[in-house]
Protein backbone atom coordinates (compact mmCIF):
# COMPACT_ATOMS: atom_id res chain seq x y z
CA MET A 1 -0.01 -0.19 0.22
CA ASN A 2 2.75 2.26 0.43
CA ARG A 3 4.44 1.53 -2.71
CA PHE A 4 1.16 2.82 -4.01
CA TYR A 5 1.31 6.03 -2.33
CA LEU A 6 4.71 6.90 -3.26
CA TYR A 7 4.12 6.00 -7.12
CA ILE A 8 0.87 8.29 -7.44
CA SER A 9 3.01 10.83 -5.08
CA LEU A 10 5.82 10.32 -7.78
CA LEU A 11 3.49 10.36 -10.70
CA LEU A 12 1.70 13.95 -9.38
CA PHE A 13 4.73 15.70 -8.35
CA SER A 14 7.35 14.79 -10.90
CA ASN A 15 5.02 16.01 -14.03
CA CYS A 16 4.17 19.49 -12.71
CA THR A 17 5.74 22.42 -14.84
CA ILE A 18 4.90 25.42 -13.08
CA TYR A 19 4.64 28.62 -15.58
CA ASP A 20 5.78 32.08 -14.66
CA LYS A 21 3.02 34.17 -15.73
CA GLU A 22 3.18 37.62 -17.04
CA LEU A 23 0.14 39.41 -15.51
CA ASP A 24 -0.56 43.04 -16.70
CA ASN A 25 -3.42 45.00 -15.11
CA PRO A 26 -3.29 49.20 -15.62
CA ASN A 27 -4.82 49.34 -11.79
CA ASP A 28 -2.42 47.26 -10.19
CA ASN A 29 -0.35 49.96 -8.04
CA LYS A 30 2.36 47.20 -6.81
CA ALA A 31 3.21 45.96 -10.64
CA ASN A 32 3.35 49.82 -11.74
CA GLU A 33 5.70 50.65 -8.67
CA ASP A 34 7.82 48.06 -9.17
CA ILE A 35 8.45 49.86 -12.38
CA GLY A 36 8.54 53.23 -11.11
CA VAL A 37 5.21 54.07 -12.11
CA TYR A 38 3.76 56.46 -8.81
CA PRO A 39 -0.10 57.63 -8.99
CA PRO A 40 -1.77 59.37 -9.67
CA SER A 41 -0.42 58.28 -13.27
CA VAL A 42 -1.23 57.82 -16.87
CA VAL A 43 -0.94 54.41 -18.09
CA LEU A 44 -1.51 52.42 -21.50
CA PHE A 45 -2.99 49.26 -21.46
CA PRO A 46 -1.31 46.51 -22.67
CA LYS A 47 2.08 47.22 -22.03
CA GLU A 48 3.31 44.91 -24.55
CA GLN A 49 1.69 43.32 -27.88
CA THR A 50 3.08 41.73 -30.60
CA LYS A 51 0.66 41.52 -33.55
CA THR A 52 0.54 40.96 -37.60
CA ILE A 53 0.24 43.40 -40.13
CA SER A 54 -3.43 42.10 -40.74
CA ASP A 55 -4.03 42.43 -37.05
CA THR A 56 -5.57 45.56 -35.29
CA VAL A 57 -3.88 47.30 -32.33
CA SER A 58 -6.04 47.92 -29.40
CA ILE A 59 -4.55 50.31 -26.58
CA GLY A 60 -6.25 51.30 -23.20
CA ALA A 61 -5.65 55.23 -21.79
CA TYR A 62 -5.96 55.13 -18.30
CA ILE A 63 -5.97 57.73 -15.57
CA VAL A 64 -4.32 55.38 -12.24
CA PHE A 65 -4.88 56.36 -8.48
CA SER A 66 -3.53 54.91 -5.45
CA ASP A 67 -5.57 52.12 -3.82
CA THR A 68 -5.73 54.41 -0.70
CA SER A 69 -6.32 57.83 -1.99
CA ILE A 70 -8.06 58.80 -4.98
CA ILE A 71 -8.31 62.16 -5.99
CA SER A 72 -11.46 63.54 -7.09
CA PHE A 73 -11.14 65.02 -10.87
CA SER A 74 -13.19 66.15 -13.57
CA GLY A 75 -11.62 65.82 -16.51
CA ALA A 76 -8.71 64.88 -18.43
CA HIS A 77 -6.35 66.11 -21.63
CA LEU A 78 -4.24 62.88 -22.67
CA ASN A 79 -1.48 63.83 -25.37
CA ILE A 80 -0.41 60.66 -26.73
CA GLU A 81 2.59 60.20 -29.27
CA TYR A 82 2.75 57.18 -31.81
CA ASN A 83 5.04 56.28 -34.84
CA ASN A 84 2.75 57.28 -37.71
CA SER A 85 5.05 55.53 -40.34
CA LEU A 86 4.15 51.90 -38.72
CA LEU A 87 0.44 52.74 -36.85
CA GLU A 88 -2.74 54.61 -38.12
CA ILE A 89 -5.46 55.19 -35.93
CA ASP A 90 -8.50 53.29 -37.12
CA SER A 91 -11.02 54.28 -34.26
CA ILE A 92 -11.25 55.93 -30.89
CA ALA A 93 -13.89 55.23 -28.39
CA PRO A 94 -14.50 56.41 -25.04
CA GLY A 95 -13.90 54.41 -22.36
CA TRP A 96 -15.43 54.01 -19.04
CA ILE A 97 -15.51 56.97 -16.07
CA GLY A 98 -16.66 57.22 -12.61
CA PRO A 99 -19.57 55.47 -11.06
CA GLY A 100 -19.93 53.33 -14.25
CA SER A 101 -19.65 53.42 -17.60
CA LEU A 102 -19.66 56.23 -19.80
CA THR A 103 -23.29 54.74 -21.22
CA ASP A 104 -24.52 52.86 -18.02
CA SER A 105 -27.38 53.18 -16.12
CA ASN A 106 -26.12 55.51 -13.74
CA LYS A 107 -26.53 57.92 -16.63
CA THR A 108 -23.01 59.49 -16.68
CA THR A 109 -22.17 61.64 -19.89
CA PRO A 110 -19.06 62.51 -21.05
CA LEU A 111 -17.87 65.15 -23.06
CA PHE A 112 -15.52 63.10 -25.32
CA THR A 113 -13.48 64.74 -28.08
CA TYR A 114 -10.22 64.42 -30.02
CA THR A 115 -7.64 65.63 -32.18
CA GLU A 116 -5.14 63.64 -34.20
CA SER A 117 -2.13 64.97 -36.75
CA GLN A 118 0.73 63.37 -37.79
CA GLY A 119 1.36 60.90 -34.73
CA ILE A 120 -0.20 63.30 -32.01
CA LEU A 121 -3.65 62.24 -30.39
CA ASP A 122 -5.31 64.75 -27.97
CA ILE A 123 -7.89 63.52 -26.05
CA TYR A 124 -10.11 65.51 -24.14
CA ALA A 125 -12.73 64.03 -21.88
CA TYR A 126 -14.73 65.83 -19.45
CA TYR A 127 -17.52 64.20 -16.65
CA LEU A 128 -20.51 66.04 -17.36
CA SER A 129 -23.31 65.01 -14.54
CA THR A 130 -26.37 66.95 -13.02
CA SER A 131 -25.77 66.09 -9.64
CA ASP A 132 -22.02 65.59 -9.10
CA ILE A 133 -19.18 67.84 -10.16
CA GLU A 134 -16.47 65.51 -10.01
CA ILE A 135 -15.56 61.90 -10.15
CA ASP A 136 -13.43 59.73 -7.87
CA SER A 137 -12.20 56.13 -9.50
CA LEU A 138 -9.90 54.59 -11.82
CA THR A 139 -10.69 56.04 -15.36
CA HIS A 140 -10.38 54.07 -18.55
CA ILE A 141 -10.82 57.35 -20.79
CA ALA A 142 -10.24 56.08 -24.24
CA GLU A 143 -9.56 52.82 -25.93
CA ILE A 144 -7.81 53.56 -29.32
CA TRP A 145 -7.53 50.91 -32.27
CA PHE A 146 -4.80 51.27 -34.64
CA LYS A 147 -4.08 49.79 -38.17
CA PRO A 148 -0.81 48.10 -38.49
CA LEU A 149 0.88 49.87 -41.92
CA SER A 150 4.31 47.93 -41.73
CA THR A 151 6.50 45.67 -39.66
CA GLY A 152 8.49 47.06 -37.19
CA GLU A 153 8.46 48.36 -33.50
CA SER A 154 7.04 51.34 -31.92
CA THR A 155 6.28 52.92 -28.30
CA VAL A 156 2.80 54.74 -27.92
CA ARG A 157 3.31 57.06 -25.31
CA TYR A 158 2.30 59.94 -23.35
CA ASP A 159 4.02 63.21 -23.47
CA THR A 160 3.41 64.61 -19.97
CA SER A 161 4.07 68.14 -20.42
CA GLN A 162 0.75 68.30 -22.50
CA CYS A 163 -1.04 65.96 -20.50
CA GLN A 164 -3.78 67.01 -17.46
CA ILE A 165 -6.02 65.42 -15.13
CA ILE A 166 -8.44 68.39 -14.15
CA LYS A 167 -10.29 69.03 -10.94
CA TYR A 168 -13.79 70.88 -10.89
CA ASP A 169 -12.42 74.00 -10.37
CA ASP A 170 -10.28 73.90 -13.39
CA SER A 171 -7.18 73.22 -11.08
CA THR A 172 -4.79 70.39 -11.97
CA ILE A 173 -3.66 67.42 -10.32
CA PRO A 174 0.05 66.65 -10.88
CA ILE A 175 0.90 63.25 -13.07
CA ASN A 176 3.48 61.41 -10.94
CA GLY A 177 3.77 58.33 -13.16
CA VAL A 178 3.26 57.36 -16.65
CA ARG A 179 3.51 53.84 -17.97
CA ASP A 180 3.72 53.44 -22.26
CA ALA A 181 3.03 50.42 -24.75
CA SER A 182 5.29 48.99 -26.75
CA VAL A 183 3.97 47.36 -30.12
CA LYS A 184 5.75 44.92 -32.31
CA ILE A 185 4.54 44.20 -35.74
CA GLN A 186 5.38 41.56 -37.49
């Protein structure tokens, strides 16, 4: 009987493979802090992806606050740079803001607009509500879909000298961290 348990134990433990899983969550403050990104921060998600020339590249633009200190804000201006010889914007959609989605049952309404020119995307999103003047949560500002134009590698990045997180009284919240996104087109 002891041999039976020994064989079963050997079978179970000798055939186990432990995988090192690389997780990527834009709101993982611990993982972001490990790479030097401290909140409040502007984060692009996913941080790395490999696509073919026929695929669509999707990148989310986020504002991330600390788990323990969320700062109320009313709007944002995000300035995003990308290599326009490698990527072309296919479409852009508003993300979700505050108590629920931009198009949710809470009736949160954004003012969402953008301009794009020669590899620079400016996104403007403002929270509009009849009852609240600000929100205090992780915010998915936009989802951006790119069409690859050629093979190669590119970084999609924020120009934080042009980015702003805006309070209801038009004052700005300092951006302490940035996480860019890397795109490889094969």
